[in-house]
Amino acid sequence: MKGFDSKFKDLPDYILKITYQIWE
C-alpha cells in the first residue's frame, strides 16, 4: 500500500480512509 499512499496523499483525508478500507 506504500505506492497507493503516494498517489492518494494529495486527496482529501476521507478519501484516504475510504480507499484504505476498500483495499484492506
PDB file of N, CA and C in Angstrom:
ATOM      1  N   MET A   1       0.831  -1.217   0.000  1.00  0.00           N
ATOM      2  CA  MET A   1       0.000   0.000   0.000  1.00  0.00           C
ATOM      3  C   MET A   1       0.861   1.261   0.000  1.00  0.00           C
ATOM      4  N   LYS A   2       2.164   1.124   0.075  1.00  0.00           N
ATOM      5  CA  LYS A   2       3.045   2.293   0.091  1.00  0.00           C
ATOM      6  C   LYS A   2       2.861   3.129  -1.170  1.00  0.00           C
ATOM      7  N   GLY A   3       2.798   2.466  -2.322  1.00  0.00           N
ATOM      8  CA  GLY A   3       2.617   3.175  -3.583  1.00  0.00           C
ATOM      9  C   GLY A   3       1.304   3.933  -3.618  1.00  0.00           C
ATOM     10  N   PHE A   4       0.263   3.307  -3.078  1.00  0.00           N
ATOM     11  CA  PHE A   4      -1.046   3.949  -3.053  1.00  0.00           C
ATOM     12  C   PHE A   4      -1.019   5.187  -2.168  1.00  0.00           C
ATOM     13  N   ASP A   5      -0.231   5.148  -1.094  1.00  0.00           N
ATOM     14  CA  ASP A   5      -0.130   6.291  -0.188  1.00  0.00           C
ATOM     15  C   ASP A   5       0.405   7.513  -0.930  1.00  0.00           C
ATOM     16  N   SER A   6       1.402   7.305  -1.785  1.00  0.00           N
ATOM     17  CA  SER A   6       1.968   8.403  -2.559  1.00  0.00           C
ATOM     18  C   SER A   6       0.933   8.967  -3.521  1.00  0.00           C
ATOM     19  N   LYS A   7       0.104   8.085  -4.077  1.00  0.00           N
ATOM     20  CA  LYS A   7      -0.925   8.509  -5.021  1.00  0.00           C
ATOM     21  C   LYS A   7      -2.003   9.342  -4.343  1.00  0.00           C
ATOM     22  N   PHE A   8      -2.443   8.876  -3.184  1.00  0.00           N
ATOM     23  CA  PHE A   8      -3.624   9.465  -2.561  1.00  0.00           C
ATOM     24  C   PHE A   8      -3.305  10.547  -1.534  1.00  0.00           C
ATOM     25  N   LYS A   9      -2.020  10.812  -1.286  1.00  0.00           N
ATOM     26  CA  LYS A   9      -1.667  11.784  -0.245  1.00  0.00           C
ATOM     27  C   LYS A   9      -2.171  13.187  -0.595  1.00  0.00           C
ATOM     28  N   ASP A  10      -2.415  13.457  -1.874  1.00  0.00           N
ATOM     29  CA  ASP A  10      -2.917  14.765  -2.286  1.00  0.00           C
ATOM     30  C   ASP A  10      -4.437  14.852  -2.198  1.00  0.00           C
ATOM     31  N   LEU A  11      -5.095  13.703  -2.025  1.00  0.00           N
ATOM     32  CA  LEU A  11      -6.553  13.691  -1.938  1.00  0.00           C
ATOM     33  C   LEU A  11      -7.009  13.930  -0.505  1.00  0.00           C
ATOM     34  N   PRO A  12      -8.292  14.326  -0.340  1.00  0.00           N
ATOM     35  CA  PRO A  12      -8.857  14.561   0.999  1.00  0.00           C
ATOM     36  C   PRO A  12      -8.707  13.349   1.904  1.00  0.00           C
ATOM     37  N   ASP A  13      -8.644  13.611   3.206  1.00  0.00           N
ATOM     38  CA  ASP A  13      -8.415  12.540   4.186  1.00  0.00           C
ATOM     39  C   ASP A  13      -9.519  11.503   4.162  1.00  0.00           C
ATOM     40  N   TYR A  14     -10.756  11.932   3.921  1.00  0.00           N
ATOM     41  CA  TYR A  14     -11.866  10.961   3.926  1.00  0.00           C
ATOM     42  C   TYR A  14     -11.732   9.988   2.766  1.00  0.00           C
ATOM     43  N   ILE A  15     -11.187  10.449   1.645  1.00  0.00           N
ATOM     44  CA  ILE A  15     -10.943   9.546   0.516  1.00  0.00           C
ATOM     45  C   ILE A  15      -9.865   8.529   0.900  1.00  0.00           C
ATOM     46  N   LEU A  16      -8.845   9.000   1.611  1.00  0.00           N
ATOM     47  CA  LEU A  16      -7.801   8.094   2.081  1.00  0.00           C
ATOM     48  C   LEU A  16      -8.387   6.984   2.934  1.00  0.00           C
ATOM     49  N   LYS A  17      -9.246   7.359   3.871  1.00  0.00           N
ATOM     50  CA  LYS A  17      -9.832   6.374   4.780  1.00  0.00           C
ATOM     51  C   LYS A  17     -10.715   5.393   4.027  1.00  0.00           C
ATOM     52  N   ILE A  18     -11.542   5.895   3.114  1.00  0.00           N
ATOM     53  CA  ILE A  18     -12.438   5.031   2.340  1.00  0.00           C
ATOM     54  C   ILE A  18     -11.619   4.072   1.472  1.00  0.00           C
ATOM     55  N   THR A  19     -10.623   4.604   0.780  1.00  0.00           N
ATOM     56  CA  THR A  19      -9.780   3.782  -0.087  1.00  0.00           C
ATOM     57  C   THR A  19      -9.061   2.710   0.723  1.00  0.00           C
ATOM     58  N   TYR A  20      -8.561   3.085   1.899  1.00  0.00           N
ATOM     59  CA  TYR A  20      -7.861   2.124   2.754  1.00  0.00           C
ATOM     60  C   TYR A  20      -8.792   0.989   3.148  1.00  0.00           C
ATOM     61  N   GLN A  21     -10.017   1.324   3.516  1.00  0.00           N
ATOM     62  CA  GLN A  21     -10.976   0.303   3.916  1.00  0.00           C
ATOM     63  C   GLN A  21     -11.301  -0.623   2.744  1.00  0.00           C
ATOM     64  N   ILE A  22     -11.440  -0.068   1.553  1.00  0.00           N
ATOM     65  CA  ILE A  22     -11.765  -0.870   0.368  1.00  0.00           C
ATOM     66  C   ILE A  22     -10.611  -1.826   0.038  1.00  0.00           C
ATOM     67  N   TRP A  23      -9.385  -1.297   0.005  1.00  0.00           N
ATOM     68  CA  TRP A  23      -8.234  -2.110  -0.387  1.00  0.00           C
ATOM     69  C   TRP A  23      -7.799  -3.059   0.720  1.00  0.00           C
ATOM     70  N   GLU A  24      -8.169  -2.744   1.961  1.00  0.00           N
ATOM     71  CA  GLU A  24      -7.822  -3.597   3.087  1.00  0.00           C
ATOM     72  C   GLU A  24      -8.683  -4.852   3.055  1.00  0.00           C
TER      73      GLU A  24
END
